[in-house]
Protein backbone atom coordinates (compact mmCIF):
# COMPACT_ATOMS: atom_id res chain seq x y z
CA MET A 1 81.33 121.76 87.45
CA GLY A 2 81.42 125.36 88.55
CA ASP A 3 78.21 126.15 86.72
CA VAL A 4 76.40 123.28 88.40
CA ILE A 5 77.52 124.45 91.86
CA ARG A 6 76.42 127.98 91.01
CA LEU A 7 72.96 126.63 90.19
CA PHE A 8 72.67 125.67 93.86
CA GLY A 9 73.30 129.28 94.80
CA MET A 10 76.78 128.81 96.25
CA ASN A 11 79.28 131.66 96.44
CA GLU A 12 82.44 131.76 94.33
CA ARG A 13 84.64 130.40 97.11
CA VAL A 14 82.53 127.26 97.37
CA VAL A 15 82.40 127.01 93.57
CA GLN A 16 86.20 127.09 93.38
CA MET A 17 86.49 124.50 96.15
CA GLY A 18 84.11 122.23 94.23
CA VAL A 19 85.97 122.71 90.96
CA ASP A 20 89.35 121.94 92.58
CA TYR A 21 87.90 118.86 94.28
CA THR A 22 86.28 117.59 91.07
CA LYS A 23 89.52 117.81 89.08
CA VAL A 24 90.99 115.00 91.20
CA ALA A 25 87.91 113.22 92.51
CA ILE A 26 86.76 112.18 89.05
CA PHE A 27 89.81 109.89 88.76
CA ASP A 28 89.15 108.56 92.25
CA TYR A 29 85.57 107.67 91.27
CA ILE A 30 86.78 105.91 88.11
CA LEU A 31 89.30 103.86 90.08
CA GLU A 32 86.71 103.11 92.73
CA GLY A 33 84.33 101.78 90.07
CA ILE A 34 87.03 99.52 88.65
CA SER A 35 87.99 98.35 92.14
CA ASP A 36 84.36 97.65 93.03
CA SER A 37 83.99 95.63 89.84
CA TYR A 38 86.93 93.40 90.76
CA SER A 39 85.59 93.06 94.26
CA VAL A 40 82.18 91.95 92.99
CA LEU A 41 83.86 89.55 90.57
CA LEU A 42 85.70 87.96 93.48
CA ASP A 43 82.52 87.93 95.59
CA ILE A 44 80.59 85.89 93.05
CA SER A 45 83.48 83.54 92.29
CA GLY A 46 83.90 82.29 95.86
CA TYR A 47 86.33 84.82 97.33
CA ALA A 48 83.80 86.91 99.22
CA VAL A 49 85.70 86.84 102.51
CA PRO A 50 88.98 88.26 101.10
CA ALA A 51 87.01 90.83 99.08
CA THR A 52 85.09 91.89 102.19
CA ILE A 53 88.31 92.14 104.22
CA TYR A 54 89.73 94.30 101.44
CA ASP A 55 86.65 96.56 101.54
CA ILE A 56 86.86 96.91 105.31
CA VAL A 57 90.61 97.63 105.40
CA ALA A 58 90.53 100.07 102.46
CA GLY A 59 87.43 101.87 103.77
CA ALA A 60 88.75 102.15 107.33
CA SER A 61 92.10 103.38 105.98
CA ASP A 62 90.30 106.00 103.88
CA CYS A 63 88.47 107.29 106.95
CA ILE A 64 91.64 107.34 109.04
CA ILE A 65 93.65 109.08 106.32
CA LEU A 66 90.88 111.65 105.88
CA TRP A 67 90.70 112.27 109.61
CA LEU A 68 94.49 112.62 109.91
CA LEU A 69 94.58 115.04 107.00
CA LEU A 70 91.81 117.23 108.39
CA ALA A 71 93.04 117.07 112.00
CA PHE A 72 96.74 117.73 111.53
CA TYR A 73 97.28 119.56 108.23
CA ASP A 74 96.34 123.23 108.48
CA GLY A 75 96.45 123.73 104.71
CA ALA A 76 93.95 120.94 104.05
CA ASN A 77 91.22 121.75 101.61
CA LEU A 78 88.93 119.72 99.39
CA PHE A 79 91.62 119.40 96.72
CA TRP A 80 93.97 117.71 99.21
CA VAL A 81 91.12 115.53 100.45
CA ALA A 82 90.60 114.30 96.90
CA VAL A 83 94.36 113.75 96.41
CA ALA A 84 94.57 111.75 99.67
CA MET A 85 91.58 109.61 98.69
CA LEU A 86 92.99 109.00 95.21
CA ALA A 87 96.41 108.04 96.57
CA SER A 88 94.83 105.69 99.11
CA ASN A 89 92.64 104.04 96.47
CA ILE A 90 95.56 103.63 94.07
CA PHE A 91 97.64 101.97 96.81
CA PHE A 92 94.90 99.57 97.91
CA PHE A 93 93.81 98.73 94.35
CA VAL A 94 97.36 97.85 93.31
CA LEU A 95 97.92 95.87 96.52
CA PHE A 96 94.71 93.89 96.16
CA ALA A 97 95.24 93.34 92.43
CA VAL A 98 98.75 92.00 93.03
CA ILE A 99 97.44 89.69 95.79
CA ALA A 100 94.58 88.44 93.62
CA ILE A 101 96.86 87.86 90.62
CA CYS A 102 99.59 86.14 92.63
CA LEU A 103 97.09 83.83 94.34
CA GLY A 104 95.40 83.01 90.99
CA TRP A 105 91.96 84.30 92.00
CA LEU A 106 91.51 85.99 88.62
CA ASP A 107 92.85 83.16 86.44
CA PRO A 108 89.44 81.88 85.31
CA PHE A 109 88.52 85.37 84.09
CA TRP A 110 91.62 86.48 82.13
CA ASN A 111 90.33 85.29 78.75
CA GLY A 112 87.08 87.17 79.17
CA MET A 113 88.75 90.31 80.52
CA ILE A 114 91.64 90.54 78.08
CA LYS A 115 91.08 88.40 74.99
CA SER A 116 87.49 89.36 74.20
CA CYS A 117 85.49 92.48 73.80
CA ALA A 118 82.71 92.35 76.40
CA PHE A 119 80.81 95.11 74.63
CA LYS A 120 80.10 92.73 71.75
CA VAL A 121 77.35 91.20 73.87
CA SER A 122 75.66 94.55 74.39
CA ALA A 123 72.77 93.45 72.17
CA ALA A 124 72.01 90.70 74.67
CA LEU A 125 72.08 93.09 77.63
CA LYS A 126 68.69 94.55 76.70
CA TYR A 127 67.15 91.19 77.63
CA LEU A 128 68.35 91.33 81.24
CA ASP A 129 65.61 90.96 83.75
CA PRO A 130 64.94 94.40 85.29
CA VAL A 131 64.06 92.75 88.61
CA ALA A 132 67.48 91.09 88.77
CA THR A 133 69.12 94.45 88.10
CA ILE A 134 67.12 96.07 90.91
CA ASN A 135 68.04 93.23 93.34
CA ILE A 136 71.74 93.61 92.49
CA HIS A 137 71.42 97.32 93.28
CA ARG A 138 69.74 96.55 96.62
CA ILE A 139 72.49 94.09 97.60
CA HIS A 140 75.13 96.71 96.79
CA ASN A 141 73.35 99.27 98.96
CA LEU A 142 73.53 96.93 101.91
CA SER A 143 77.25 96.38 101.50
CA ILE A 144 79.86 97.67 103.87
CA ALA A 145 81.31 99.92 101.18
CA PHE A 146 78.03 101.81 101.02
CA TYR A 147 78.30 102.80 104.69
CA GLN A 148 82.01 103.58 104.44
CA ASN A 149 81.37 105.91 101.50
CA ARG A 150 78.65 107.68 103.49
CA THR A 151 81.05 108.13 106.42
CA GLN A 152 83.64 109.67 104.15
CA MET A 153 81.02 111.98 102.65
CA LEU A 154 79.96 113.11 106.13
CA LEU A 155 83.58 113.91 106.99
CA LYS A 156 83.93 115.94 103.78
CA MET A 157 80.69 117.84 104.54
CA PHE A 158 81.98 118.57 108.05
CA TYR A 159 85.17 119.99 106.52
CA ILE A 160 83.22 122.22 104.13
CA GLN A 161 81.08 123.59 106.96
CA ARG A 162 84.16 124.15 109.14
CA SER A 163 86.03 126.02 106.40
CA LEU A 164 83.21 128.44 105.55
């Protein structure tokens, strides 16, 4: 990651900040992808309201946690921002997964998620309609999570500018 940041002409301090951030943030992005997948699964299976409430609560909590960290912890840096975001996402993912499992929202999908290999149908994926794929992307961009992620990114950018 450091080499990529250097390509943008950043100094070594910024490069080190980016490397430290990336070491933790990569796991946060993986968890966020898994969490978004479950949220979309619930959206299309009739549980859009609980999934939206989850997105709102988790996203608002992320923003509040990030603000508290940057406002009250003098030793905050991008590494700690990534740790805070990862811890928050782990907490909310586990909480929402437990709620979804206990209420039986995922029961219709267990066989497909656990007892089969979804990659076996990869040959059929090449026949997906590209227009449908584009429309799914557009719907995602209009979601609340899209705007919450942009807010978090703006807060992180503000921190970088403040610390330079």
